[in-house]
């Protein structure tokens, strides 16, 4: 979901909250009335300080980083616990260590706000609740920063927490989680999550399964079969994994079996494959698209 869609959902949620619907039917009737209509932005005098801060963050994304930071300063003056503001600061920050501080702050605030009774009531559905999404996005970014800084166990722990909060895993963090569990020799956990998402069919899970089989079994009928299945799904991945240089810029979107999907997987998996003795030779041996 892009920021324009998020703004739409935010405005919609505010209008729903302002109606004080007493029945589900009233809510459905209201939503039906909005079909094909633009959701008007509520006037500033009707917004809480928290909501005003959130709107300033949406505005910041439309500006240069320099001007965006000015909006964020005002947002945090209105609401020091604005998770969206820390998410923004982390995203525009070039230094991973500094970005990590911002994302960690967003995660810390989220755990405080969405803990206790809220957590007990909503655990398992965190992505389905609009207000918790900035927290979940900060968690994902924080986990990536932790891995980049070689805090791999902490990264895995965050991904596991995210899946506990949202087993449906709309953010797709299970792919990185499974890859890093291979790297950390967490075989039991790998099998647990691989089974939970056994229907996944994209390049990331297929190549992860093949790599895990090779690492734990060696070159066997089973590992070869899994690798052939992965190579059939995306013929470009092998070439990317066998490159001597790191993958460059990654496209925002990719399709099943295309080069962008291969780049996406390899950008995470190159070093893991290279760290497992014999894995790249095994891949090269079975790669037919040379």
C-alpha atoms as a PDB file:
ATOM      1  CA  UNK A   1       0.000   0.000   0.000  1.00  0.00           C
ATOM      2  CA  UNK A   2       1.452   3.366  -1.045  1.00  0.00           C
ATOM      3  CA  UNK A   3       1.222   6.531   1.014  1.00  0.00           C
ATOM      4  CA  UNK A   4      -1.720   7.849  -1.004  1.00  0.00           C
ATOM      5  CA  UNK A   5      -3.692   4.701  -0.215  1.00  0.00           C
ATOM      6  CA  UNK A   6      -2.665   4.912   3.428  1.00  0.00           C
ATOM      7  CA  UNK A   7      -3.916   8.504   3.586  1.00  0.00           C
ATOM      8  CA  UNK A   8      -7.220   7.372   2.084  1.00  0.00           C
ATOM      9  CA  UNK A   9      -7.552   4.602   4.669  1.00  0.00           C
ATOM     10  CA  UNK A  10      -6.636   7.002   7.462  1.00  0.00           C
ATOM     11  CA  UNK A  11      -9.303   9.518   6.376  1.00  0.00           C
ATOM     12  CA  UNK A  12     -11.850   6.727   6.016  1.00  0.00           C
ATOM     13  CA  UNK A  13     -11.116   5.406   9.501  1.00  0.00           C
ATOM     14  CA  UNK A  14     -11.511   8.887  10.991  1.00  0.00           C
ATOM     15  CA  UNK A  15     -14.897   9.359   9.324  1.00  0.00           C
ATOM     16  CA  UNK A  16     -16.035   5.960  10.562  1.00  0.00           C
ATOM     17  CA  UNK A  17     -14.916   6.757  14.103  1.00  0.00           C
ATOM     18  CA  UNK A  18     -16.759  10.076  13.992  1.00  0.00           C
ATOM     19  CA  UNK A  19     -20.084   8.438  13.110  1.00  0.00           C
ATOM     20  CA  UNK A  20     -20.467   6.339  16.278  1.00  0.00           C
ATOM     21  CA  UNK A  21     -22.324   3.572  14.474  1.00  0.00           C
ATOM     22  CA  UNK A  22     -24.466   1.410  16.727  1.00  0.00           C
ATOM     23  CA  UNK A  23     -24.966  -1.527  14.360  1.00  0.00           C
ATOM     24  CA  UNK A  24     -23.046  -3.326  11.627  1.00  0.00           C
ATOM     25  CA  UNK A  25     -25.839  -2.471   9.198  1.00  0.00           C
ATOM     26  CA  UNK A  26     -25.346   1.256   9.787  1.00  0.00           C
ATOM     27  CA  UNK A  27     -21.630   0.907   9.056  1.00  0.00           C
ATOM     28  CA  UNK A  28     -22.289  -1.072   5.869  1.00  0.00           C
ATOM     29  CA  UNK A  29     -24.823   1.504   4.683  1.00  0.00           C
ATOM     30  CA  UNK A  30     -22.299   4.288   5.294  1.00  0.00           C
ATOM     31  CA  UNK A  31     -19.560   2.432   3.397  1.00  0.00           C
ATOM     32  CA  UNK A  32     -21.933   1.751   0.490  1.00  0.00           C
ATOM     33  CA  UNK A  33     -22.667   5.476   0.272  1.00  0.00           C
ATOM     34  CA  UNK A  34     -18.966   6.165  -0.255  1.00  0.00           C
ATOM     35  CA  UNK A  35     -18.528   3.877  -3.254  1.00  0.00           C
ATOM     36  CA  UNK A  36     -17.090   5.909  -6.111  1.00  0.00           C
ATOM     37  CA  UNK A  37     -16.731   8.967  -3.891  1.00  0.00           C
ATOM     38  CA  UNK A  38     -13.613  10.747  -2.673  1.00  0.00           C
ATOM     39  CA  UNK A  39     -13.144  10.694   1.086  1.00  0.00           C
ATOM     40  CA  UNK A  40     -12.932  14.300   2.254  1.00  0.00           C
ATOM     41  CA  UNK A  41     -10.099  15.217   4.571  1.00  0.00           C
ATOM     42  CA  UNK A  42     -11.454  16.233   7.955  1.00  0.00           C
ATOM     43  CA  UNK A  43     -10.882  19.837   8.977  1.00  0.00           C
ATOM     44  CA  UNK A  44      -7.898  20.409  11.236  1.00  0.00           C
ATOM     45  CA  UNK A  45     -10.045  21.646  14.140  1.00  0.00           C
ATOM     46  CA  UNK A  46     -11.716  18.237  14.297  1.00  0.00           C
ATOM     47  CA  UNK A  47      -8.444  16.330  14.454  1.00  0.00           C
ATOM     48  CA  UNK A  48      -6.589  15.280  17.581  1.00  0.00           C
ATOM     49  CA  UNK A  49      -2.946  16.250  17.956  1.00  0.00           C
ATOM     50  CA  UNK A  50      -2.038  12.670  17.100  1.00  0.00           C
ATOM     51  CA  UNK A  51      -4.027  12.834  13.869  1.00  0.00           C
ATOM     52  CA  UNK A  52      -2.553  16.226  12.967  1.00  0.00           C
ATOM     53  CA  UNK A  53       0.927  14.752  13.427  1.00  0.00           C
ATOM     54  CA  UNK A  54       0.076  11.816  11.176  1.00  0.00           C
ATOM     55  CA  UNK A  55      -1.145  14.153   8.437  1.00  0.00           C
ATOM     56  CA  UNK A  56       2.114  16.096   8.617  1.00  0.00           C
ATOM     57  CA  UNK A  57       3.996  12.856   7.995  1.00  0.00           C
ATOM     58  CA  UNK A  58       1.868  12.173   4.900  1.00  0.00           C
ATOM     59  CA  UNK A  59       2.762  15.677   3.699  1.00  0.00           C
ATOM     60  CA  UNK A  60       6.459  15.037   4.362  1.00  0.00           C
ATOM     61  CA  UNK A  61       6.509  12.180   1.858  1.00  0.00           C
ATOM     62  CA  UNK A  62       5.529  14.654  -0.860  1.00  0.00           C
ATOM     63  CA  UNK A  63       8.549  16.868  -0.148  1.00  0.00           C
ATOM     64  CA  UNK A  64      12.311  16.676  -0.417  1.00  0.00           C
ATOM     65  CA  UNK A  65      13.980  15.047   2.615  1.00  0.00           C
ATOM     66  CA  UNK A  66      15.228  18.431   3.789  1.00  0.00           C
ATOM     67  CA  UNK A  67      11.746  19.976   3.782  1.00  0.00           C
ATOM     68  CA  UNK A  68      10.187  16.730   4.925  1.00  0.00           C
ATOM     69  CA  UNK A  69      12.264  16.801   8.089  1.00  0.00           C
ATOM     70  CA  UNK A  70      10.787  20.198   8.934  1.00  0.00           C
ATOM     71  CA  UNK A  71       7.302  18.693   8.772  1.00  0.00           C
ATOM     72  CA  UNK A  72       8.446  15.841  10.979  1.00  0.00           C
ATOM     73  CA  UNK A  73       9.810  18.248  13.584  1.00  0.00           C
ATOM     74  CA  UNK A  74       6.369  19.845  13.826  1.00  0.00           C
ATOM     75  CA  UNK A  75       4.699  16.419  13.904  1.00  0.00           C
ATOM     76  CA  UNK A  76       6.827  15.262  16.826  1.00  0.00           C
ATOM     77  CA  UNK A  77       6.168  18.538  18.638  1.00  0.00           C
ATOM     78  CA  UNK A  78       2.464  17.675  18.409  1.00  0.00           C
ATOM     79  CA  UNK A  79       2.912  13.997  19.250  1.00  0.00           C
ATOM     80  CA  UNK A  80       6.273  12.738  20.474  1.00  0.00           C
ATOM     81  CA  UNK A  81       4.964   9.179  20.101  1.00  0.00           C
ATOM     82  CA  UNK A  82       4.067   9.475  16.409  1.00  0.00           C
ATOM     83  CA  UNK A  83       5.322   6.139  15.051  1.00  0.00           C
ATOM     84  CA  UNK A  84       4.845   7.266  11.453  1.00  0.00           C
ATOM     85  CA  UNK A  85       7.313  10.117  12.043  1.00  0.00           C
ATOM     86  CA  UNK A  86      10.063   7.761  13.207  1.00  0.00           C
ATOM     87  CA  UNK A  87       9.321   5.465  10.290  1.00  0.00           C
ATOM     88  CA  UNK A  88       9.784   8.393   7.897  1.00  0.00           C
ATOM     89  CA  UNK A  89      13.061   9.452   9.515  1.00  0.00           C
ATOM     90  CA  UNK A  90      14.377   5.903   9.272  1.00  0.00           C
ATOM     91  CA  UNK A  91      13.405   5.544   5.618  1.00  0.00           C
ATOM     92  CA  UNK A  92      15.131   8.734   4.462  1.00  0.00           C
ATOM     93  CA  UNK A  93      18.262   8.125   6.559  1.00  0.00           C
ATOM     94  CA  UNK A  94      21.262   6.890   4.560  1.00  0.00           C
ATOM     95  CA  UNK A  95      23.240   5.623   7.553  1.00  0.00           C
ATOM     96  CA  UNK A  96      21.921   2.203   8.622  1.00  0.00           C
ATOM     97  CA  UNK A  97      23.021   2.693  12.228  1.00  0.00           C
ATOM     98  CA  UNK A  98      21.123   5.956  12.552  1.00  0.00           C
ATOM     99  CA  UNK A  99      18.117   4.564  10.668  1.00  0.00           C
ATOM    100  CA  UNK A 100      18.098   1.677  13.115  1.00  0.00           C
ATOM    101  CA  UNK A 101      17.702   4.118  16.010  1.00  0.00           C
ATOM    102  CA  UNK A 102      14.599   5.648  14.437  1.00  0.00           C
ATOM    103  CA  UNK A 103      13.014   2.295  13.616  1.00  0.00           C
ATOM    104  CA  UNK A 104      13.818   0.977  17.076  1.00  0.00           C
ATOM    105  CA  UNK A 105      12.090   4.016  18.566  1.00  0.00           C
ATOM    106  CA  UNK A 106       8.992   3.306  16.485  1.00  0.00           C
ATOM    107  CA  UNK A 107       9.012  -0.319  17.596  1.00  0.00           C
ATOM    108  CA  UNK A 108       9.449   0.631  21.257  1.00  0.00           C
ATOM    109  CA  UNK A 109       6.512   3.051  21.122  1.00  0.00           C
ATOM    110  CA  UNK A 110       4.386   0.495  19.316  1.00  0.00           C
ATOM    111  CA  UNK A 111       5.034  -2.193  21.878  1.00  0.00           C
ATOM    112  CA  UNK A 112       3.975   0.221  24.604  1.00  0.00           C
ATOM    113  CA  UNK A 113       0.844   1.504  22.868  1.00  0.00           C
ATOM    114  CA  UNK A 114      -0.288  -1.844  21.491  1.00  0.00           C
ATOM    115  CA  UNK A 115       0.631  -4.002  24.471  1.00  0.00           C
ATOM    116  CA  UNK A 116      -1.459  -5.166  27.395  1.00  0.00           C
ATOM    117  CA  UNK A 117      -5.178  -5.624  26.731  1.00  0.00           C
ATOM    118  CA  UNK A 118      -4.837  -4.432  23.129  1.00  0.00           C
ATOM    119  CA  UNK A 119      -2.255  -7.123  22.413  1.00  0.00           C
ATOM    120  CA  UNK A 120      -4.312  -9.799  24.123  1.00  0.00           C
ATOM    121  CA  UNK A 121      -7.381  -8.865  22.091  1.00  0.00           C
ATOM    122  CA  UNK A 122      -5.755  -8.297  18.700  1.00  0.00           C
ATOM    123  CA  UNK A 123      -2.733 -10.587  18.595  1.00  0.00           C
ATOM    124  CA  UNK A 124      -2.777 -12.447  15.297  1.00  0.00           C
ATOM    125  CA  UNK A 125      -4.465  -9.622  13.382  1.00  0.00           C
ATOM    126  CA  UNK A 126      -2.015  -6.731  13.589  1.00  0.00           C
ATOM    127  CA  UNK A 127      -1.814  -6.069   9.852  1.00  0.00           C
ATOM    128  CA  UNK A 128      -5.600  -6.031   9.589  1.00  0.00           C
ATOM    129  CA  UNK A 129      -5.780  -3.071  11.990  1.00  0.00           C
ATOM    130  CA  UNK A 130      -4.948   0.205  10.264  1.00  0.00           C
ATOM    131  CA  UNK A 131      -3.431   1.904  13.301  1.00  0.00           C
ATOM    132  CA  UNK A 132      -0.901  -0.880  13.960  1.00  0.00           C
ATOM    133  CA  UNK A 133       0.558  -0.919  10.451  1.00  0.00           C
ATOM    134  CA  UNK A 134       3.206   1.788  11.033  1.00  0.00           C
ATOM    135  CA  UNK A 135       4.402  -0.266  14.013  1.00  0.00           C
ATOM    136  CA  UNK A 136       4.605  -3.408  11.868  1.00  0.00           C
ATOM    137  CA  UNK A 137       6.478  -1.560   9.140  1.00  0.00           C
ATOM    138  CA  UNK A 138       8.965  -0.223  11.681  1.00  0.00           C
ATOM    139  CA  UNK A 139       9.479  -3.767  12.938  1.00  0.00           C
ATOM    140  CA  UNK A 140      10.302  -4.972   9.442  1.00  0.00           C
ATOM    141  CA  UNK A 141      12.746  -2.155   8.807  1.00  0.00           C
ATOM    142  CA  UNK A 142      14.291  -2.600  12.239  1.00  0.00           C
ATOM    143  CA  UNK A 143      14.835  -6.309  11.592  1.00  0.00           C
ATOM    144  CA  UNK A 144      16.577  -5.532   8.300  1.00  0.00           C
ATOM    145  CA  UNK A 145      18.828  -2.976   9.977  1.00  0.00           C
ATOM    146  CA  UNK A 146      19.725  -5.487  12.674  1.00  0.00           C
ATOM    147  CA  UNK A 147      20.727  -8.046  10.052  1.00  0.00           C
ATOM    148  CA  UNK A 148      22.778  -5.447   8.168  1.00  0.00           C
ATOM    149  CA  UNK A 149      24.619  -4.631  11.394  1.00  0.00           C
ATOM    150  CA  UNK A 150      25.303  -8.362  11.909  1.00  0.00           C
ATOM    151  CA  UNK A 151      22.819  -8.733  14.771  1.00  0.00           C
ATOM    152  CA  UNK A 152      21.315 -11.718  13.001  1.00  0.00           C
ATOM    153  CA  UNK A 153      19.705 -13.408  15.984  1.00  0.00           C
ATOM    154  CA  UNK A 154      17.941 -10.181  16.923  1.00  0.00           C
ATOM    155  CA  UNK A 155      16.737  -9.841  13.321  1.00  0.00           C
ATOM    156  CA  UNK A 156      15.279 -13.353  13.410  1.00  0.00           C
ATOM    157  CA  UNK A 157      13.620 -12.681  16.780  1.00  0.00           C
ATOM    158  CA  UNK A 158      11.867  -9.605  15.339  1.00  0.00           C
ATOM    159  CA  UNK A 159      10.620 -11.527  12.314  1.00  0.00           C
ATOM    160  CA  UNK A 160       9.277 -14.251  14.575  1.00  0.00           C
ATOM    161  CA  UNK A 161       7.502 -11.670  16.706  1.00  0.00           C
ATOM    162  CA  UNK A 162       5.939 -10.195  13.582  1.00  0.00           C
ATOM    163  CA  UNK A 163       4.585 -13.553  12.487  1.00  0.00           C
ATOM    164  CA  UNK A 164       3.182 -14.116  15.958  1.00  0.00           C
ATOM    165  CA  UNK A 165       1.398 -10.770  15.723  1.00  0.00           C
ATOM    166  CA  UNK A 166       0.209 -11.487  12.182  1.00  0.00           C
ATOM    167  CA  UNK A 167       0.444 -15.159  11.108  1.00  0.00           C
ATOM    168  CA  UNK A 168      -1.013 -14.291   7.711  1.00  0.00           C
ATOM    169  CA  UNK A 169       2.255 -12.377   7.170  1.00  0.00           C
ATOM    170  CA  UNK A 170       0.982  -9.839   4.649  1.00  0.00           C
ATOM    171  CA  UNK A 171       4.442  -8.232   4.683  1.00  0.00           C
ATOM    172  CA  UNK A 172       6.147 -11.439   3.539  1.00  0.00           C
ATOM    173  CA  UNK A 173       8.835 -11.462   6.223  1.00  0.00           C
ATOM    174  CA  UNK A 174       8.735 -15.254   6.383  1.00  0.00           C
ATOM    175  CA  UNK A 175      10.957 -15.350   3.305  1.00  0.00           C
ATOM    176  CA  UNK A 176      13.825 -13.541   5.006  1.00  0.00           C
ATOM    177  CA  UNK A 177      13.148 -15.398   8.245  1.00  0.00           C
ATOM    178  CA  UNK A 178      13.511 -18.813   6.625  1.00  0.00           C
ATOM    179  CA  UNK A 179      16.660 -17.772   4.789  1.00  0.00           C
ATOM    180  CA  UNK A 180      18.298 -16.490   7.958  1.00  0.00           C
ATOM    181  CA  UNK A 181      17.262 -19.589   9.911  1.00  0.00           C
ATOM    182  CA  UNK A 182      19.245 -21.618   7.362  1.00  0.00           C
ATOM    183  CA  UNK A 183      22.240 -19.384   7.944  1.00  0.00           C
ATOM    184  CA  UNK A 184      21.952 -19.674  11.736  1.00  0.00           C
ATOM    185  CA  UNK A 185      21.535 -23.480  11.671  1.00  0.00           C
ATOM    186  CA  UNK A 186      18.080 -23.222  13.247  1.00  0.00           C
ATOM    187  CA  UNK A 187      16.859 -26.400  11.554  1.00  0.00           C
ATOM    188  CA  UNK A 188      13.929 -27.057  13.894  1.00  0.00           C
ATOM    189  CA  UNK A 189      12.561 -23.549  13.462  1.00  0.00           C
ATOM    190  CA  UNK A 190      13.063 -23.704   9.702  1.00  0.00           C
ATOM    191  CA  UNK A 191      10.946 -26.841   9.477  1.00  0.00           C
ATOM    192  CA  UNK A 192       8.282 -25.253  11.681  1.00  0.00           C
ATOM    193  CA  UNK A 193       7.843 -22.150   9.531  1.00  0.00           C
ATOM    194  CA  UNK A 194       8.350 -23.973   6.233  1.00  0.00           C
ATOM    195  CA  UNK A 195       5.458 -26.254   7.149  1.00  0.00           C
ATOM    196  CA  UNK A 196       3.280 -23.319   8.186  1.00  0.00           C
ATOM    197  CA  UNK A 197       3.786 -21.744   4.747  1.00  0.00           C
ATOM    198  CA  UNK A 198       4.198 -24.894   2.676  1.00  0.00           C
ATOM    199  CA  UNK A 199       1.901 -23.591  -0.081  1.00  0.00           C
ATOM    200  CA  UNK A 200       4.201 -20.693  -0.972  1.00  0.00           C
ATOM    201  CA  UNK A 201       5.368 -21.025  -4.573  1.00  0.00           C
ATOM    202  CA  UNK A 202       7.475 -17.948  -5.402  1.00  0.00           C
ATOM    203  CA  UNK A 203      11.239 -17.998  -5.980  1.00  0.00           C
ATOM    204  CA  UNK A 204      12.145 -17.026  -2.418  1.00  0.00           C
ATOM    205  CA  UNK A 205      10.506 -20.007  -0.643  1.00  0.00           C
ATOM    206  CA  UNK A 206      11.374 -22.518  -3.381  1.00  0.00           C
ATOM    207  CA  UNK A 207      15.080 -21.694  -3.398  1.00  0.00           C
ATOM    208  CA  UNK A 208      15.102 -21.518   0.404  1.00  0.00           C
ATOM    209  CA  UNK A 209      13.706 -25.052   0.614  1.00  0.00           C
ATOM    210  CA  UNK A 210      16.247 -26.334  -1.891  1.00  0.00           C
ATOM    211  CA  UNK A 211      19.129 -24.701  -0.034  1.00  0.00           C
ATOM    212  CA  UNK A 212      17.962 -26.075   3.305  1.00  0.00           C
ATOM    213  CA  UNK A 213      17.718 -29.582   1.851  1.00  0.00           C
ATOM    214  CA  UNK A 214      21.229 -29.358   0.409  1.00  0.00           C
ATOM    215  CA  UNK A 215      22.675 -28.027   3.647  1.00  0.00           C
ATOM    216  CA  UNK A 216      21.063 -30.721   5.794  1.00  0.00           C
ATOM    217  CA  UNK A 217      21.145 -33.676   3.368  1.00  0.00           C
ATOM    218  CA  UNK A 218      23.782 -32.896   0.758  1.00  0.00           C
ATOM    219  CA  UNK A 219      23.125 -33.673  -2.899  1.00  0.00           C
ATOM    220  CA  UNK A 220      20.300 -36.178  -2.680  1.00  0.00           C
ATOM    221  CA  UNK A 221      17.317 -37.104  -4.817  1.00  0.00           C
ATOM    222  CA  UNK A 222      15.168 -34.868  -2.625  1.00  0.00           C
ATOM    223  CA  UNK A 223      17.444 -31.823  -2.678  1.00  0.00           C
ATOM    224  CA  UNK A 224      17.958 -32.158  -6.440  1.00  0.00           C
ATOM    225  CA  UNK A 225      14.203 -32.353  -6.974  1.00  0.00           C
ATOM    226  CA  UNK A 226      13.619 -29.229  -4.889  1.00  0.00           C
ATOM    227  CA  UNK A 227      16.328 -27.353  -6.767  1.00  0.00           C
ATOM    228  CA  UNK A 228      14.929 -28.353 -10.152  1.00  0.00           C
ATOM    229  CA  UNK A 229      11.505 -27.129  -9.034  1.00  0.00           C
ATOM    230  CA  UNK A 230      12.975 -23.804  -7.958  1.00  0.00           C
ATOM    231  CA  UNK A 231      14.944 -23.393 -11.193  1.00  0.00           C
ATOM    232  CA  UNK A 232      11.820 -24.141 -13.212  1.00  0.00           C
ATOM    233  CA  UNK A 233       9.967 -21.416 -11.336  1.00  0.00           C
ATOM    234  CA  UNK A 234      12.610 -18.765 -12.064  1.00  0.00           C
ATOM    235  CA  UNK A 235      15.458 -19.500 -14.465  1.00  0.00           C
ATOM    236  CA  UNK A 236      17.180 -16.182 -13.686  1.00  0.00           C
ATOM    237  CA  UNK A 237      17.951 -16.829 -10.016  1.00  0.00           C
ATOM    238  CA  UNK A 238      20.924 -19.137 -10.545  1.00  0.00           C
ATOM    239  CA  UNK A 239      22.755 -16.593 -12.672  1.00  0.00           C
ATOM    240  CA  UNK A 240      22.201 -13.912 -10.032  1.00  0.00           C
ATOM    241  CA  UNK A 241      23.378 -16.127  -7.179  1.00  0.00           C
ATOM    242  CA  UNK A 242      26.509 -17.063  -9.104  1.00  0.00           C
ATOM    243  CA  UNK A 243      27.519 -13.450  -9.751  1.00  0.00           C
ATOM    244  CA  UNK A 244      30.762 -12.368  -8.119  1.00  0.00           C
ATOM    245  CA  UNK A 245      29.382  -8.900  -7.372  1.00  0.00           C
ATOM    246  CA  UNK A 246      26.457  -7.826  -5.257  1.00  0.00           C
ATOM    247  CA  UNK A 247      23.059  -7.180  -6.798  1.00  0.00           C
ATOM    248  CA  UNK A 248      22.475  -3.493  -7.493  1.00  0.00           C
ATOM    249  CA  UNK A 249      19.241  -1.556  -7.235  1.00  0.00           C
ATOM    250  CA  UNK A 250      16.109  -3.644  -6.732  1.00  0.00           C
ATOM    251  CA  UNK A 251      12.882  -2.874  -8.597  1.00  0.00           C
ATOM    252  CA  UNK A 252       9.898  -1.930  -6.458  1.00  0.00           C
ATOM    253  CA  UNK A 253       7.724  -4.580  -8.111  1.00  0.00           C
ATOM    254  CA  UNK A 254       8.389  -7.988  -9.630  1.00  0.00           C
ATOM    255  CA  UNK A 255       6.478 -10.771 -11.343  1.00  0.00           C
ATOM    256  CA  UNK A 256       6.554 -14.528 -10.960  1.00  0.00           C
ATOM    257  CA  UNK A 257       9.590 -15.900 -12.759  1.00  0.00           C
ATOM    258  CA  UNK A 258      10.975 -12.592 -14.000  1.00  0.00           C
ATOM    259  CA  UNK A 259      14.411 -11.015 -13.587  1.00  0.00           C
ATOM    260  CA  UNK A 260      13.216  -8.547 -10.960  1.00  0.00           C
ATOM    261  CA  UNK A 261      12.097 -11.442  -8.760  1.00  0.00           C
ATOM    262  CA  UNK A 262      15.507 -13.066  -9.239  1.00  0.00           C
ATOM    263  CA  UNK A 263      17.266  -9.856  -8.253  1.00  0.00           C
ATOM    264  CA  UNK A 264      15.068  -9.534  -5.181  1.00  0.00           C
ATOM    265  CA  UNK A 265      15.874 -13.030  -3.942  1.00  0.00           C
ATOM    266  CA  UNK A 266      19.568 -12.888  -4.772  1.00  0.00           C
ATOM    267  CA  UNK A 267      20.002  -9.526  -3.044  1.00  0.00           C
ATOM    268  CA  UNK A 268      19.198 -11.281   0.223  1.00  0.00           C
ATOM    269  CA  UNK A 269      20.479 -14.764  -0.502  1.00  0.00           C
ATOM    270  CA  UNK A 270      23.833 -14.355  -2.298  1.00  0.00           C
ATOM    271  CA  UNK A 271      25.932 -14.371   0.858  1.00  0.00           C
ATOM    272  CA  UNK A 272      23.970 -17.178   2.492  1.00  0.00           C
ATOM    273  CA  UNK A 273      24.392 -19.471  -0.515  1.00  0.00           C
ATOM    274  CA  UNK A 274      28.092 -18.598  -0.717  1.00  0.00           C
ATOM    275  CA  UNK A 275      28.566 -19.429   2.974  1.00  0.00           C
ATOM    276  CA  UNK A 276      27.372 -23.013   2.573  1.00  0.00           C
ATOM    277  CA  UNK A 277      30.145 -25.260   1.313  1.00  0.00           C
ATOM    278  CA  UNK A 278      29.403 -26.736  -2.085  1.00  0.00           C
ATOM    279  CA  UNK A 279      26.052 -24.976  -2.532  1.00  0.00           C
ATOM    280  CA  UNK A 280      27.079 -22.775  -5.456  1.00  0.00           C
ATOM    281  CA  UNK A 281      28.853 -25.657  -7.237  1.00  0.00           C
ATOM    282  CA  UNK A 282      25.705 -27.745  -6.810  1.00  0.00           C
ATOM    283  CA  UNK A 283      23.603 -24.888  -8.189  1.00  0.00           C
ATOM    284  CA  UNK A 284      25.954 -24.396 -11.142  1.00  0.00           C
ATOM    285  CA  UNK A 285      25.845 -28.120 -11.927  1.00  0.00           C
ATOM    286  CA  UNK A 286      22.055 -28.148 -12.179  1.00  0.00           C
ATOM    287  CA  UNK A 287      21.648 -24.778 -13.854  1.00  0.00           C
ATOM    288  CA  UNK A 288      20.595 -25.359 -17.457  1.00  0.00           C
ATOM    289  CA  UNK A 289      20.302 -21.679 -18.316  1.00  0.00           C
ATOM    290  CA  UNK A 290      24.043 -20.997 -18.507  1.00  0.00           C
END
